[in-house]
Structures are given as structure tokens and as C-alpha cells.
Amino acid sequence: MPTASQAVRTTSWSPVAVGRTQARGIAQVALSAGPWKGLLFLVALFTDDWRIGVFGPLGAAASTGTATVLRSDRAGRLRQGLGGYCGRLVCIALFVRLGASWRTAPLAVLAAAVCSVLSAAAVRFPDRPGLPVLTAPYCLVAGVMAIALPASAAPAAPTTRTTGPSPADLGHAFCDRIGRVFFLAKGYAGLIVPAGLLVTSWRVAVAAACDSAVATVTAHVMGLPADRLARGFTATTECSSPSRRRRPSSP
């Protein structure tokens, strides 16, 4: 584990190095530094919504830049994408909750910068005894933002279906659960995510598929309404689901 006594390594800002760091940063969401996996994940973001594809790199750039200014790149963490993935996730989360606007962008950049500060602090303290930082900064910042900021979209009125879920409903729920780590709302975009996992390890891809299948079947057996199951609500909380599914349009 890196310590405070280790020398700070310089980070290259060449276009190739920046692109590689961005790709690794999005791949780190799945605990990998593979740039090809990151590129596939980025394709999934743009496939679902081009604005998600823009907000993601915006957050990664803001958090990586903040880490560079703070000189917190120890043991090459930035080059491995570890300085940007929390910022990327929080920017996407804010877009999903608030929509794309001139108000959301500065707030997202600020939140991503705060993630970087928290990550730098976590590396110095919890990471020392062997506790991994992972997405703790993102969870903390996104949680505070979710409490402080109301969603722009009103929840859709619930509907009731007396019939059970169709194979298409189950298939959509399966794909949606895999993609929801990036807040993806389109099933076919969610299918690109396991393709990225497959690039690194077929075992990881199979594990993700099994997780989604078990969650979908469990939700069906426990009586989740077919309309909610069709929209992928296999494990999504009530407070976040409506805003996630009804993205506000740009003003």
C-alpha cells in the first residue's frame, strides 16, 4: 500500500496518456485498469445517452485535475485511473437526477473535485491498514447530493398489470441490472457492459450475468409487479428509481 513517504510521480498530459487514463478510469468502476474494457464501457454510455457519455469524462477530468493540483498521485494511482472513476460516477449521477444544464455542469465538476479530495484523504488513512477505498468517496458525495438536491423529474404514476412478466420483461430486467452501475436506462446499452467485462475475464462476465439472473428471478418470485420488473427495478430504491428512469431534458 502506498504511504505518505513515497515520492509523488509526475503524470504525463500527452493526448495518448490522457486518453489511456480516461479509459482506465471508467474501467476501474469494474475493478480493472484495462483501457479496452474502459473503451467498451464508454461506448455503452454514449449508446444509452450521449449526454452521459459527456458528463462521465467531465467528472473524471475534474477529479483527476484536482488530484494533480493536490499532488496526491502516489504510486501512479492517476495513471491507473484511480483518480477519476469516483468523479465520473458522481457526475453521471447528478446528470441523471438533475438533467443536463448549465447549472448541473458546474455542480457536477465541484462534486467530482470533492470526490478527489476525499479519495486523497482516504488513501492516507483508511487505506493504510488495508481497507480499500473503492467507491466510498462517490457514495458519500452522491448520498449528500441526493438528500440536498430534489430530483427535477416527478415520479411516474404507478401502473398495475395483472399479467405476469413476459420474456421481454425478464430480458430487459436482466440487461438493465448489469448496466445500472452506470445508470444506463436502455437494455441494449447494458448488454455492452458484459462485453467489456469479457475483454478482461470470461469468469467476471459470467459472474455479472449470474448476479443479474439471480436478482431478476428473485424479484419475480418475491412478487415484484411486472411493470416494475420490465423497467429493471430488481434492486433499485424507491427514492432513486423515478429520477433515474425519467431523465429531464435539457432546457
Protein backbone atom coordinates (compact mmCIF):
# COMPACT_ATOMS: atom_id res chain seq x y z
CA MET A 1 0.00 0.00 0.00
CA PRO A 2 1.32 3.48 -0.80
CA THR A 3 2.43 5.64 2.10
CA ALA A 4 2.88 9.35 2.52
CA SER A 5 6.66 8.93 2.38
CA GLN A 6 6.61 7.69 -1.20
CA ALA A 7 7.66 10.13 -3.87
CA VAL A 8 5.00 11.78 -5.98
CA ARG A 9 5.27 10.66 -9.58
CA THR A 10 4.64 13.05 -12.42
CA THR A 11 1.70 12.39 -14.68
CA SER A 12 2.02 12.78 -18.42
CA TRP A 13 -0.50 15.10 -20.06
CA SER A 14 0.05 13.97 -23.65
CA PRO A 15 -3.18 13.22 -25.57
CA VAL A 16 -2.39 9.50 -25.64
CA ALA A 17 -1.68 9.38 -21.91
CA VAL A 18 -4.82 11.37 -21.08
CA GLY A 19 -6.95 9.10 -23.26
CA ARG A 20 -5.48 5.99 -21.69
CA THR A 21 -6.06 7.37 -18.19
CA GLN A 22 -9.68 8.19 -19.07
CA ALA A 23 -10.26 4.66 -20.38
CA ARG A 24 -8.68 3.10 -17.32
CA GLY A 25 -10.71 5.36 -15.06
CA ILE A 26 -14.02 4.11 -16.39
CA ALA A 27 -12.75 0.52 -16.29
CA GLN A 28 -11.89 0.96 -12.60
CA VAL A 29 -15.62 1.03 -11.88
CA ALA A 30 -15.39 -2.73 -12.52
CA LEU A 31 -12.12 -3.01 -10.56
CA SER A 32 -9.90 -3.21 -13.62
CA ALA A 33 -7.33 -0.94 -15.26
CA GLY A 34 -7.80 -2.35 -18.76
CA PRO A 35 -8.15 0.51 -21.28
CA TRP A 36 -10.03 -1.65 -23.81
CA LYS A 37 -12.62 -2.51 -21.20
CA GLY A 38 -12.94 1.19 -20.44
CA LEU A 39 -13.49 2.00 -24.12
CA LEU A 40 -16.34 -0.51 -24.32
CA PHE A 41 -17.89 0.95 -21.18
CA LEU A 42 -17.64 4.40 -22.76
CA VAL A 43 -19.40 3.12 -25.87
CA ALA A 44 -22.19 1.84 -23.58
CA LEU A 45 -22.53 5.30 -22.02
CA PHE A 46 -22.83 7.06 -25.38
CA THR A 47 -25.19 4.36 -26.66
CA ASP A 48 -27.55 4.96 -23.76
CA ASP A 49 -27.38 8.78 -23.87
CA TRP A 50 -24.67 10.95 -25.43
CA ARG A 51 -25.01 13.35 -22.50
CA ILE A 52 -24.00 10.59 -20.09
CA GLY A 53 -21.02 9.99 -22.36
CA VAL A 54 -20.07 13.66 -21.96
CA PHE A 55 -20.73 14.04 -18.24
CA GLY A 56 -18.68 10.93 -17.42
CA PRO A 57 -15.36 12.19 -18.85
CA LEU A 58 -16.14 15.66 -17.47
CA GLY A 59 -16.22 14.26 -13.95
CA ALA A 60 -13.12 12.16 -14.49
CA ALA A 61 -11.22 15.18 -15.82
CA ALA A 62 -12.31 17.33 -12.87
CA SER A 63 -11.32 14.78 -10.23
CA THR A 64 -8.06 13.85 -11.96
CA GLY A 65 -7.15 17.52 -12.35
CA THR A 66 -7.90 18.16 -8.68
CA ALA A 67 -5.71 15.23 -7.65
CA THR A 68 -2.91 16.61 -9.79
CA VAL A 69 -3.18 20.07 -8.24
CA LEU A 70 -3.15 18.48 -4.77
CA ARG A 71 -0.10 16.41 -5.78
CA SER A 72 -1.80 13.29 -4.49
CA ASP A 73 -0.69 10.98 -7.31
CA ARG A 74 1.21 8.44 -5.25
CA ALA A 75 2.34 5.10 -6.65
CA GLY A 76 0.92 6.01 -10.06
CA ARG A 77 -2.72 5.97 -8.97
CA LEU A 78 -3.78 8.54 -11.56
CA ARG A 79 -2.21 6.61 -14.43
CA GLN A 80 -4.22 3.57 -13.36
CA GLY A 81 -7.46 5.56 -13.44
CA LEU A 82 -7.91 5.56 -9.67
CA GLY A 83 -8.17 9.34 -9.53
CA GLY A 84 -11.14 9.71 -11.84
CA TYR A 85 -13.69 6.95 -11.51
CA CYS A 86 -15.47 8.31 -8.42
CA GLY A 87 -15.73 11.72 -10.07
CA ARG A 88 -17.07 10.11 -13.22
CA LEU A 89 -19.80 8.26 -11.33
CA VAL A 90 -20.90 11.27 -9.32
CA CYS A 91 -21.16 13.42 -12.47
CA ILE A 92 -23.32 10.79 -14.15
CA ALA A 93 -25.47 10.51 -11.03
CA LEU A 94 -26.05 14.26 -10.93
CA PHE A 95 -26.96 14.33 -14.60
CA VAL A 96 -29.49 11.55 -14.08
CA ARG A 97 -31.01 13.36 -11.11
CA LEU A 98 -30.91 16.96 -12.35
CA GLY A 99 -30.61 16.76 -16.12
CA ALA A 100 -28.05 18.39 -18.42
CA SER A 101 -27.93 22.17 -17.99
CA TRP A 102 -25.53 25.00 -17.31
CA ARG A 103 -26.47 24.68 -13.63
CA THR A 104 -25.74 20.97 -13.42
CA ALA A 105 -22.31 21.07 -15.07
CA PRO A 106 -20.53 23.34 -12.51
CA LEU A 107 -22.16 21.47 -9.64
CA ALA A 108 -21.02 18.15 -11.12
CA VAL A 109 -17.46 19.44 -11.56
CA LEU A 110 -17.42 20.64 -7.94
CA ALA A 111 -18.75 17.29 -6.69
CA ALA A 112 -16.10 15.45 -8.72
CA ALA A 113 -13.39 17.66 -7.21
CA VAL A 114 -14.68 16.88 -3.71
CA CYS A 115 -14.51 13.17 -4.56
CA SER A 116 -10.84 13.62 -5.39
CA VAL A 117 -10.17 15.37 -2.08
CA LEU A 118 -11.91 12.59 -0.16
CA SER A 119 -10.02 9.95 -2.14
CA ALA A 120 -6.69 11.59 -1.31
CA ALA A 121 -7.62 11.67 2.37
CA ALA A 122 -8.82 8.07 2.33
CA VAL A 123 -5.56 6.86 0.80
CA ARG A 124 -3.67 8.42 3.69
CA PHE A 125 -5.85 6.95 6.44
CA PRO A 126 -8.28 4.02 5.83
CA ASP A 127 -6.10 2.61 3.05
CA ARG A 128 -3.11 2.18 5.33
CA PRO A 129 -4.40 -0.74 7.41
CA GLY A 130 -5.56 -2.46 4.23
CA LEU A 131 -9.10 -1.13 3.91
CA PRO A 132 -9.74 -0.42 0.20
CA VAL A 133 -11.13 2.99 -0.72
CA LEU A 134 -13.12 1.80 -3.76
CA THR A 135 -16.24 3.96 -4.34
CA ALA A 136 -16.56 5.32 -0.79
CA PRO A 137 -15.94 8.96 -1.87
CA TYR A 138 -18.56 8.67 -4.61
CA CYS A 139 -21.11 7.10 -2.26
CA LEU A 140 -20.59 9.83 0.33
CA VAL A 141 -20.79 12.76 -2.11
CA ALA A 142 -23.68 11.29 -4.13
CA GLY A 143 -25.58 10.47 -0.94
CA VAL A 144 -25.26 14.04 0.35
CA MET A 145 -26.28 15.42 -3.04
CA ALA A 146 -29.30 13.10 -3.24
CA ILE A 147 -30.51 14.37 0.14
CA ALA A 148 -29.79 18.04 -0.53
CA LEU A 149 -30.98 18.32 -4.13
CA PRO A 150 -34.53 17.45 -5.22
CA ALA A 151 -34.94 15.49 -8.42
CA SER A 152 -36.11 17.52 -11.42
CA ALA A 153 -38.47 14.83 -12.66
CA ALA A 154 -41.62 13.87 -10.82
CA PRO A 155 -42.17 10.16 -10.22
CA ALA A 156 -44.34 8.49 -12.80
CA ALA A 157 -47.73 7.32 -11.65
CA PRO A 158 -47.54 3.63 -10.83
CA THR A 159 -49.36 1.25 -13.08
CA THR A 160 -50.71 -2.16 -12.29
CA ARG A 161 -50.51 -5.19 -14.54
CA THR A 162 -52.42 -8.29 -13.68
CA THR A 163 -50.43 -10.49 -16.04
CA GLY A 164 -47.03 -11.87 -15.20
CA PRO A 165 -43.81 -10.62 -16.79
CA SER A 166 -43.20 -11.60 -20.38
CA PRO A 167 -39.85 -12.99 -21.61
CA ALA A 168 -39.13 -9.50 -22.96
CA ASP A 169 -39.74 -8.03 -19.48
CA LEU A 170 -37.34 -10.51 -17.91
CA GLY A 171 -34.76 -9.90 -20.62
CA HIS A 172 -34.92 -6.15 -20.12
CA ALA A 173 -34.60 -6.54 -16.36
CA PHE A 174 -31.56 -8.78 -16.85
CA CYS A 175 -29.79 -6.27 -19.11
CA ASP A 176 -30.81 -3.28 -17.02
CA ARG A 177 -29.33 -4.62 -13.80
CA ILE A 178 -25.94 -5.14 -15.44
CA GLY A 179 -25.93 -1.62 -16.86
CA ARG A 180 -27.28 0.22 -13.86
CA VAL A 181 -23.81 0.55 -12.33
CA PHE A 182 -23.52 3.40 -14.86
CA PHE A 183 -27.20 4.42 -14.51
CA LEU A 184 -27.93 3.11 -18.00
CA ALA A 185 -31.65 3.03 -18.82
CA LYS A 186 -31.59 1.18 -22.14
CA GLY A 187 -31.29 -2.58 -22.11
CA TYR A 188 -29.16 -2.85 -25.24
CA ALA A 189 -26.68 -0.37 -23.73
CA GLY A 190 -26.49 -2.60 -20.67
CA LEU A 191 -25.50 -5.51 -22.91
CA ILE A 192 -22.29 -3.70 -23.88
CA VAL A 193 -21.12 -3.70 -20.26
CA PRO A 194 -20.66 -7.51 -20.00
CA ALA A 195 -18.84 -7.32 -23.35
CA GLY A 196 -16.35 -5.05 -21.64
CA LEU A 197 -16.09 -7.46 -18.72
CA LEU A 198 -15.48 -10.29 -21.17
CA VAL A 199 -12.42 -8.47 -22.53
CA THR A 200 -10.73 -8.85 -19.14
CA SER A 201 -12.04 -12.20 -17.94
CA TRP A 202 -14.83 -14.52 -19.02
CA ARG A 203 -15.23 -15.53 -15.37
CA VAL A 204 -16.02 -11.94 -14.40
CA ALA A 205 -18.55 -11.67 -17.24
CA VAL A 206 -20.22 -14.92 -16.18
CA ALA A 207 -20.33 -13.76 -12.55
CA ALA A 208 -22.04 -10.50 -13.57
CA ALA A 209 -24.54 -12.39 -15.70
CA CYS A 210 -25.30 -14.80 -12.86
CA ASP A 211 -25.78 -11.91 -10.45
CA SER A 212 -28.27 -10.26 -12.78
CA ALA A 213 -30.11 -13.51 -13.47
CA VAL A 214 -30.44 -14.37 -9.77
CA ALA A 215 -31.65 -10.86 -8.91
CA THR A 216 -34.22 -10.89 -11.71
CA VAL A 217 -35.58 -14.32 -10.82
CA THR A 218 -35.65 -13.46 -7.11
CA ALA A 219 -37.56 -10.23 -7.76
CA HIS A 220 -40.08 -12.15 -9.86
CA VAL A 221 -40.54 -14.90 -7.27
CA MET A 222 -41.00 -12.33 -4.50
CA GLY A 223 -43.84 -10.72 -6.44
CA LEU A 224 -42.35 -7.56 -7.92
CA PRO A 225 -45.04 -6.14 -10.26
CA ALA A 226 -44.45 -6.93 -13.91
CA ASP A 227 -44.34 -3.28 -14.96
CA ARG A 228 -41.60 -2.51 -12.46
CA LEU A 229 -39.71 -5.64 -13.33
CA ALA A 230 -39.85 -4.69 -17.01
CA ARG A 231 -38.23 -1.36 -16.17
CA GLY A 232 -35.38 -3.11 -14.39
CA PHE A 233 -36.35 -2.31 -10.80
CA THR A 234 -34.84 -5.50 -9.42
CA ALA A 235 -32.85 -3.79 -6.70
CA THR A 236 -33.31 -0.07 -7.16
CA THR A 237 -34.55 2.00 -4.25
CA GLU A 238 -37.80 3.89 -4.44
CA CYS A 239 -36.14 7.28 -4.00
CA SER A 240 -33.77 6.93 -6.92
CA SER A 241 -35.77 4.94 -9.43
CA PRO A 242 -38.15 7.59 -10.80
CA SER A 243 -35.43 10.18 -11.37
CA ARG A 244 -33.24 7.61 -12.97
CA ARG A 245 -35.87 6.45 -15.40
CA ARG A 246 -37.33 9.82 -16.31
CA ARG A 247 -34.33 11.90 -17.19
CA PRO A 248 -35.10 15.57 -17.50
CA SER A 249 -34.47 17.05 -20.92
CA SER A 250 -32.08 19.91 -21.49
CA PRO A 251 -33.66 23.36 -21.15
